[in-house]
Amino acid sequence: MRLDEFYEPENDRAGRIMANDTRKTRFTLKQLNKLRKVREIAKAEAIEHAKFVKVMYAAPSEDDTAI
Protein backbone atom coordinates (compact mmCIF):
# COMPACT_ATOMS: atom_id res chain seq x y z
CA MET A 1 0.00 0.00 0.00
CA ARG A 2 1.36 3.39 -1.01
CA LEU A 3 0.66 6.57 0.88
CA ASP A 4 -0.22 8.53 -2.24
CA GLU A 5 -3.13 6.19 -3.02
CA PHE A 6 -5.30 8.13 -0.58
CA TYR A 7 -4.15 11.59 -1.61
CA GLU A 8 -6.72 13.73 -3.39
CA PRO A 9 -5.42 17.14 -4.53
CA GLU A 10 -8.88 18.76 -4.51
CA ASN A 11 -9.19 17.98 -0.78
CA ASP A 12 -5.74 19.37 0.03
CA ARG A 13 -6.19 22.39 2.32
CA ALA A 14 -2.54 22.92 3.31
CA GLY A 15 -1.99 26.05 1.19
CA ARG A 16 -5.38 27.66 1.64
CA ILE A 17 -6.06 30.39 4.15
CA MET A 18 -9.48 30.36 5.76
CA ALA A 19 -11.22 33.49 7.07
CA ASN A 20 -11.30 32.13 10.63
CA ASP A 21 -7.65 31.04 10.60
CA THR A 22 -5.71 33.11 13.15
CA ARG A 23 -2.32 31.50 12.67
CA LYS A 24 0.56 33.48 11.25
CA THR A 25 1.43 32.81 7.63
CA ARG A 26 4.77 31.26 6.85
CA PHE A 27 7.29 33.23 4.85
CA THR A 28 8.60 31.73 1.66
CA LEU A 29 12.29 31.82 0.79
CA LYS A 30 11.52 34.42 -1.87
CA GLN A 31 9.90 36.68 0.73
CA LEU A 32 12.77 36.16 3.20
CA ASN A 33 15.37 37.05 0.55
CA LYS A 34 13.43 40.19 -0.36
CA LEU A 35 13.26 41.24 3.31
CA ARG A 36 17.00 40.61 3.69
CA LYS A 37 17.78 42.76 0.66
CA VAL A 38 15.52 45.56 1.92
CA ARG A 39 17.26 45.49 5.31
CA GLU A 40 20.70 45.59 3.65
CA ILE A 41 19.71 48.57 1.49
CA ALA A 42 18.26 50.41 4.49
CA LYS A 43 21.42 49.72 6.49
CA ALA A 44 23.63 51.04 3.67
CA GLU A 45 21.47 54.17 3.35
CA ALA A 46 21.70 54.75 7.11
CA ILE A 47 25.50 54.54 6.97
CA GLU A 48 25.64 57.00 4.06
CA HIS A 49 23.25 59.35 5.87
CA ALA A 50 25.38 59.20 9.02
CA LYS A 51 28.46 60.16 6.98
CA PHE A 52 26.55 63.05 5.39
CA VAL A 53 25.28 64.32 8.75
CA LYS A 54 28.79 64.15 10.19
CA VAL A 55 30.10 66.32 7.36
CA MET A 56 27.13 68.70 7.50
CA TYR A 57 27.34 69.39 11.22
CA ALA A 58 31.11 69.28 11.59
CA ALA A 59 32.74 72.27 13.24
CA PRO A 60 34.00 74.66 10.56
CA SER A 61 37.72 74.61 10.08
CA GLU A 62 39.76 77.83 10.14
CA ASP A 63 40.28 77.66 6.38
CA ASP A 64 36.53 77.86 5.79
CA THR A 65 36.06 81.04 7.85
CA ALA A 66 38.14 83.24 5.50
CA ILE A 67 35.85 84.60 2.82
PDB file of N, CA and C in Angstrom:
ATOM      1  N   MET A   1       0.843  -1.167   0.000  1.00  0.00           N
ATOM      2  CA  MET A   1       0.000   0.000   0.000  1.00  0.00           C
ATOM      3  C   MET A   1       0.894   1.237   0.000  1.00  0.00           C
ATOM      4  N   ARG A   2       0.606   2.147  -0.913  1.00  0.00           N
ATOM      5  CA  ARG A   2       1.360   3.386  -1.012  1.00  0.00           C
ATOM      6  C   ARG A   2       0.580   4.503  -0.335  1.00  0.00           C
ATOM      7  N   LEU A   3       1.307   5.462   0.193  1.00  0.00           N
ATOM      8  CA  LEU A   3       0.660   6.575   0.879  1.00  0.00           C
ATOM      9  C   LEU A   3      -0.067   7.509  -0.083  1.00  0.00           C
ATOM     10  N   ASP A   4       0.415   7.605  -1.309  1.00  0.00           N
ATOM     11  CA  ASP A   4      -0.216   8.527  -2.242  1.00  0.00           C
ATOM     12  C   ASP A   4      -1.499   7.966  -2.864  1.00  0.00           C
ATOM     13  N   GLU A   5      -1.877   6.752  -2.509  1.00  0.00           N
ATOM     14  CA  GLU A   5      -3.125   6.189  -3.017  1.00  0.00           C
ATOM     15  C   GLU A   5      -4.339   6.928  -2.449  1.00  0.00           C
ATOM     16  N   PHE A   6      -4.194   7.472  -1.249  1.00  0.00           N
ATOM     17  CA  PHE A   6      -5.304   8.127  -0.584  1.00  0.00           C
ATOM     18  C   PHE A   6      -5.278   9.646  -0.754  1.00  0.00           C
ATOM     19  N   TYR A   7      -4.285  10.144  -1.447  1.00  0.00           N
ATOM     20  CA  TYR A   7      -4.153  11.592  -1.614  1.00  0.00           C
ATOM     21  C   TYR A   7      -5.073  12.082  -2.726  1.00  0.00           C
ATOM     22  N   GLU A   8      -5.849  13.103  -2.406  1.00  0.00           N
ATOM     23  CA  GLU A   8      -6.717  13.730  -3.387  1.00  0.00           C
ATOM     24  C   GLU A   8      -6.406  15.225  -3.399  1.00  0.00           C
ATOM     25  N   PRO A   9      -5.841  15.738  -4.490  1.00  0.00           N
ATOM     26  CA  PRO A   9      -5.424  17.143  -4.535  1.00  0.00           C
ATOM     27  C   PRO A   9      -6.568  18.129  -4.302  1.00  0.00           C
ATOM     28  N   GLU A  10      -7.784  17.822  -4.715  1.00  0.00           N
ATOM     29  CA  GLU A  10      -8.884  18.761  -4.515  1.00  0.00           C
ATOM     30  C   GLU A  10      -9.270  18.889  -3.044  1.00  0.00           C
ATOM     31  N   ASN A  11      -8.904  17.926  -2.216  1.00  0.00           N
ATOM     32  CA  ASN A  11      -9.192  17.985  -0.783  1.00  0.00           C
ATOM     33  C   ASN A  11      -8.013  18.521   0.027  1.00  0.00           C
ATOM     34  N   ASP A  12      -6.928  18.870  -0.654  1.00  0.00           N
ATOM     35  CA  ASP A  12      -5.738  19.367   0.026  1.00  0.00           C
ATOM     36  C   ASP A  12      -5.976  20.808   0.462  1.00  0.00           C
ATOM     37  N   ARG A  13      -5.941  21.067   1.779  1.00  0.00           N
ATOM     38  CA  ARG A  13      -6.192  22.395   2.325  1.00  0.00           C
ATOM     39  C   ARG A  13      -4.944  23.008   2.937  1.00  0.00           C
ATOM     40  N   ALA A  14      -3.775  22.453   2.661  1.00  0.00           N
ATOM     41  CA  ALA A  14      -2.545  22.916   3.305  1.00  0.00           C
ATOM     42  C   ALA A  14      -2.182  24.343   2.900  1.00  0.00           C
ATOM     43  N   GLY A  15      -2.394  24.733   1.650  1.00  0.00           N
ATOM     44  CA  GLY A  15      -1.990  26.048   1.190  1.00  0.00           C
ATOM     45  C   GLY A  15      -3.080  27.097   1.258  1.00  0.00           C
ATOM     46  N   ARG A  16      -4.259  26.715   1.616  1.00  0.00           N
ATOM     47  CA  ARG A  16      -5.375  27.656   1.642  1.00  0.00           C
ATOM     48  C   ARG A  16      -5.465  28.363   2.988  1.00  0.00           C
ATOM     49  N   ILE A  17      -5.867  29.613   2.928  1.00  0.00           N
ATOM     50  CA  ILE A  17      -6.056  30.394   4.154  1.00  0.00           C
ATOM     51  C   ILE A  17      -7.555  30.600   4.337  1.00  0.00           C
ATOM     52  N   MET A  18      -8.059  30.196   5.459  1.00  0.00           N
ATOM     53  CA  MET A  18      -9.476  30.362   5.759  1.00  0.00           C
ATOM     54  C   MET A  18      -9.696  31.691   6.486  1.00  0.00           C
ATOM     55  N   ALA A  19     -10.900  32.206   6.439  1.00  0.00           N
ATOM     56  CA  ALA A  19     -11.220  33.490   7.075  1.00  0.00           C
ATOM     57  C   ALA A  19     -11.093  33.408   8.596  1.00  0.00           C
ATOM     58  N   ASN A  20     -11.365  32.268   9.179  1.00  0.00           N
ATOM     59  CA  ASN A  20     -11.303  32.133  10.632  1.00  0.00           C
ATOM     60  C   ASN A  20      -9.945  31.626  11.126  1.00  0.00           C
ATOM     61  N   ASP A  21      -8.982  31.524  10.232  1.00  0.00           N
ATOM     62  CA  ASP A  21      -7.652  31.042  10.600  1.00  0.00           C
ATOM     63  C   ASP A  21      -6.854  32.190  11.208  1.00  0.00           C
ATOM     64  N   THR A  22      -6.433  32.056  12.455  1.00  0.00           N
ATOM     65  CA  THR A  22      -5.709  33.113  13.150  1.00  0.00           C
ATOM     66  C   THR A  22      -4.213  32.857  13.236  1.00  0.00           C
ATOM     67  N   ARG A  23      -3.749  31.795  12.624  1.00  0.00           N
ATOM     68  CA  ARG A  23      -2.317  31.496  12.668  1.00  0.00           C
ATOM     69  C   ARG A  23      -1.543  32.434  11.752  1.00  0.00           C
ATOM     70  N   LYS A  24      -0.290  32.647  12.080  1.00  0.00           N
ATOM     71  CA  LYS A  24       0.560  33.479  11.247  1.00  0.00           C
ATOM     72  C   LYS A  24       0.917  32.712   9.977  1.00  0.00           C
ATOM     73  N   THR A  25       1.022  33.451   8.877  1.00  0.00           N
ATOM     74  CA  THR A  25       1.430  32.812   7.634  1.00  0.00           C
ATOM     75  C   THR A  25       2.923  32.555   7.670  1.00  0.00           C
ATOM     76  N   ARG A  26       3.353  31.577   6.928  1.00  0.00           N
ATOM     77  CA  ARG A  26       4.770  31.260   6.849  1.00  0.00           C
ATOM     78  C   ARG A  26       5.377  32.024   5.690  1.00  0.00           C
ATOM     79  N   PHE A  27       6.592  32.532   5.912  1.00  0.00           N
ATOM     80  CA  PHE A  27       7.289  33.232   4.855  1.00  0.00           C
ATOM     81  C   PHE A  27       7.928  32.233   3.911  1.00  0.00           C
ATOM     82  N   THR A  28       7.918  32.558   2.637  1.00  0.00           N
ATOM     83  CA  THR A  28       8.601  31.733   1.657  1.00  0.00           C
ATOM     84  C   THR A  28      10.052  32.213   1.577  1.00  0.00           C
ATOM     85  N   LEU A  29      10.895  31.423   0.941  1.00  0.00           N
ATOM     86  CA  LEU A  29      12.290  31.819   0.787  1.00  0.00           C
ATOM     87  C   LEU A  29      12.398  33.082  -0.055  1.00  0.00           C
ATOM     88  N   LYS A  30      11.522  33.231  -1.033  1.00  0.00           N
ATOM     89  CA  LYS A  30      11.520  34.425  -1.867  1.00  0.00           C
ATOM     90  C   LYS A  30      11.220  35.663  -1.024  1.00  0.00           C
ATOM     91  N   GLN A  31      10.249  35.565  -0.133  1.00  0.00           N
ATOM     92  CA  GLN A  31       9.904  36.684   0.733  1.00  0.00           C
ATOM     93  C   GLN A  31      11.030  36.997   1.713  1.00  0.00           C
ATOM     94  N   LEU A  32      11.665  35.954   2.255  1.00  0.00           N
ATOM     95  CA  LEU A  32      12.768  36.156   3.197  1.00  0.00           C
ATOM     96  C   LEU A  32      13.958  36.832   2.520  1.00  0.00           C
ATOM     97  N   ASN A  33      14.264  36.429   1.284  1.00  0.00           N
ATOM     98  CA  ASN A  33      15.368  37.051   0.555  1.00  0.00           C
ATOM     99  C   ASN A  33      15.059  38.515   0.248  1.00  0.00           C
ATOM    100  N   LYS A  34      13.810  38.805  -0.090  1.00  0.00           N
ATOM    101  CA  LYS A  34      13.429  40.188  -0.365  1.00  0.00           C
ATOM    102  C   LYS A  34      13.562  41.038   0.902  1.00  0.00           C
ATOM    103  N   LEU A  35      13.126  40.514   2.046  1.00  0.00           N
ATOM    104  CA  LEU A  35      13.261  41.236   3.310  1.00  0.00           C
ATOM    105  C   LEU A  35      14.727  41.472   3.667  1.00  0.00           C
ATOM    106  N   ARG A  36      15.569  40.478   3.408  1.00  0.00           N
ATOM    107  CA  ARG A  36      16.997  40.612   3.693  1.00  0.00           C
ATOM    108  C   ARG A  36      17.613  41.710   2.835  1.00  0.00           C
ATOM    109  N   LYS A  37      17.242  41.739   1.557  1.00  0.00           N
ATOM    110  CA  LYS A  37      17.780  42.763   0.661  1.00  0.00           C
ATOM    111  C   LYS A  37      17.308  44.154   1.069  1.00  0.00           C
ATOM    112  N   VAL A  38      16.057  44.274   1.476  1.00  0.00           N
ATOM    113  CA  VAL A  38      15.524  45.565   1.917  1.00  0.00           C
ATOM    114  C   VAL A  38      16.272  46.035   3.157  1.00  0.00           C
ATOM    115  N   ARG A  39      16.520  45.126   4.102  1.00  0.00           N
ATOM    116  CA  ARG A  39      17.261  45.493   5.314  1.00  0.00           C
ATOM    117  C   ARG A  39      18.683  45.928   4.978  1.00  0.00           C
ATOM    118  N   GLU A  40      19.342  45.228   4.036  1.00  0.00           N
ATOM    119  CA  GLU A  40      20.703  45.590   3.653  1.00  0.00           C
ATOM    120  C   GLU A  40      20.742  46.963   2.999  1.00  0.00           C
ATOM    121  N   ILE A  41      19.763  47.264   2.149  1.00  0.00           N
ATOM    122  CA  ILE A  41      19.710  48.568   1.492  1.00  0.00           C
ATOM    123  C   ILE A  41      19.463  49.663   2.524  1.00  0.00           C
ATOM    124  N   ALA A  42      18.549  49.423   3.453  1.00  0.00           N
ATOM    125  CA  ALA A  42      18.260  50.411   4.494  1.00  0.00           C
ATOM    126  C   ALA A  42      19.486  50.649   5.373  1.00  0.00           C
ATOM    127  N   LYS A  43      20.216  49.595   5.670  1.00  0.00           N
ATOM    128  CA  LYS A  43      21.424  49.725   6.492  1.00  0.00           C
ATOM    129  C   LYS A  43      22.486  50.538   5.760  1.00  0.00           C
ATOM    130  N   ALA A  44      22.660  50.292   4.458  1.00  0.00           N
ATOM    131  CA  ALA A  44      23.635  51.045   3.666  1.00  0.00           C
ATOM    132  C   ALA A  44      23.234  52.510   3.571  1.00  0.00           C
ATOM    133  N   GLU A  45      21.944  52.785   3.403  1.00  0.00           N
ATOM    134  CA  GLU A  45      21.472  54.165   3.355  1.00  0.00           C
ATOM    135  C   GLU A  45      21.685  54.870   4.691  1.00  0.00           C
ATOM    136  N   ALA A  46      21.490  54.161   5.791  1.00  0.00           N
ATOM    137  CA  ALA A  46      21.698  54.749   7.110  1.00  0.00           C
ATOM    138  C   ALA A  46      23.170  55.098   7.326  1.00  0.00           C
ATOM    139  N   ILE A  47      24.063  54.267   6.843  1.00  0.00           N
ATOM    140  CA  ILE A  47      25.496  54.536   6.966  1.00  0.00           C
ATOM    141  C   ILE A  47      25.873  55.772   6.150  1.00  0.00           C
ATOM    142  N   GLU A  48      25.357  55.836   4.907  1.00  0.00           N
ATOM    143  CA  GLU A  48      25.636  57.000   4.061  1.00  0.00           C
ATOM    144  C   GLU A  48      25.059  58.277   4.674  1.00  0.00           C
ATOM    145  N   HIS A  49      23.876  58.185   5.240  1.00  0.00           N
ATOM    146  CA  HIS A  49      23.251  59.349   5.867  1.00  0.00           C
ATOM    147  C   HIS A  49      24.055  59.801   7.085  1.00  0.00           C
ATOM    148  N   ALA A  50      24.562  58.856   7.850  1.00  0.00           N
ATOM    149  CA  ALA A  50      25.378  59.199   9.019  1.00  0.00           C
ATOM    150  C   ALA A  50      26.653  59.921   8.595  1.00  0.00           C
ATOM    151  N   LYS A  51      27.262  59.478   7.486  1.00  0.00           N
ATOM    152  CA  LYS A  51      28.455  60.163   6.980  1.00  0.00           C
ATOM    153  C   LYS A  51      28.103  61.581   6.541  1.00  0.00           C
ATOM    154  N   PHE A  52      26.981  61.740   5.861  1.00  0.00           N
ATOM    155  CA  PHE A  52      26.547  63.049   5.385  1.00  0.00           C
ATOM    156  C   PHE A  52      26.272  63.997   6.554  1.00  0.00           C
ATOM    157  N   VAL A  53      25.601  63.494   7.578  1.00  0.00           N
ATOM    158  CA  VAL A  53      25.284  64.318   8.747  1.00  0.00           C
ATOM    159  C   VAL A  53      26.556  64.727   9.470  1.00  0.00           C
ATOM    160  N   LYS A  54      27.520  63.834   9.534  1.00  0.00           N
ATOM    161  CA  LYS A  54      28.789  64.151  10.191  1.00  0.00           C
ATOM    162  C   LYS A  54      29.503  65.282   9.463  1.00  0.00           C
ATOM    163  N   VAL A  55      29.467  65.256   8.141  1.00  0.00           N
ATOM    164  CA  VAL A  55      30.104  66.320   7.363  1.00  0.00           C
ATOM    165  C   VAL A  55      29.306  67.618   7.491  1.00  0.00           C
ATOM    166  N   MET A  56      27.981  67.516   7.456  1.00  0.00           N
ATOM    167  CA  MET A  56      27.128  68.698   7.498  1.00  0.00           C
ATOM    168  C   MET A  56      27.269  69.453   8.813  1.00  0.00           C
ATOM    169  N   TYR A  57      27.318  68.745   9.914  1.00  0.00           N
ATOM    170  CA  TYR A  57      27.345  69.388  11.223  1.00  0.00           C
ATOM    171  C   TYR A  57      28.725  69.434  11.856  1.00  0.00           C
ATOM    172  N   ALA A  58      29.761  69.221  11.059  1.00  0.00           N
ATOM    173  CA  ALA A  58      31.112  69.284  11.590  1.00  0.00           C
ATOM    174  C   ALA A  58      31.457  70.734  11.897  1.00  0.00           C
ATOM    175  N   ALA A  59      32.293  70.925  12.891  1.00  0.00           N
ATOM    176  CA  ALA A  59      32.735  72.270  13.243  1.00  0.00           C
ATOM    177  C   ALA A  59      33.528  72.837  12.067  1.00  0.00           C
ATOM    178  N   PRO A  60      33.272  74.080  11.708  1.00  0.00           N
ATOM    179  CA  PRO A  60      34.001  74.658  10.559  1.00  0.00           C
ATOM    180  C   PRO A  60      35.493  74.798  10.875  1.00  0.00           C
ATOM    181  N   SER A  61      36.272  74.480   9.880  1.00  0.00           N
ATOM    182  CA  SER A  61      37.716  74.614  10.081  1.00  0.00           C
ATOM    183  C   SER A  61      38.103  76.075   9.877  1.00  0.00           C
ATOM    184  N   GLU A  62      39.318  76.436  10.247  1.00  0.00           N
ATOM    185  CA  GLU A  62      39.762  77.831  10.143  1.00  0.00           C
ATOM    186  C   GLU A  62      39.919  78.252   8.694  1.00  0.00           C
ATOM    187  N   ASP A  63      40.162  77.331   7.798  1.00  0.00           N
ATOM    188  CA  ASP A  63      40.283  77.660   6.381  1.00  0.00           C
ATOM    189  C   ASP A  63      38.943  78.089   5.801  1.00  0.00           C
ATOM    190  N   ASP A  64      37.843  77.547   6.320  1.00  0.00           N
ATOM    191  CA  ASP A  64      36.526  77.857   5.790  1.00  0.00           C
ATOM    192  C   ASP A  64      36.022  79.224   6.243  1.00  0.00           C
ATOM    193  N   THR A  65      36.574  79.784   7.320  1.00  0.00           N
ATOM    194  CA  THR A  65      36.056  81.042   7.845  1.00  0.00           C
ATOM    195  C   THR A  65      36.527  82.233   7.029  1.00  0.00           C
ATOM    196  N   ALA A  66      37.632  82.118   6.317  1.00  0.00           N
ATOM    197  CA  ALA A  66      38.140  83.239   5.503  1.00  0.00           C
ATOM    198  C   ALA A  66      37.348  83.304   4.216  1.00  0.00           C
ATOM    199  N   ILE A  67      36.673  84.439   4.016  1.00  0.00           N
ATOM    200  CA  ILE A  67      35.854  84.598   2.815  1.00  0.00           C
ATOM    201  C   ILE A  67      36.516  85.525   1.846  1.00  0.00           C
TER     202      ILE A  67
END
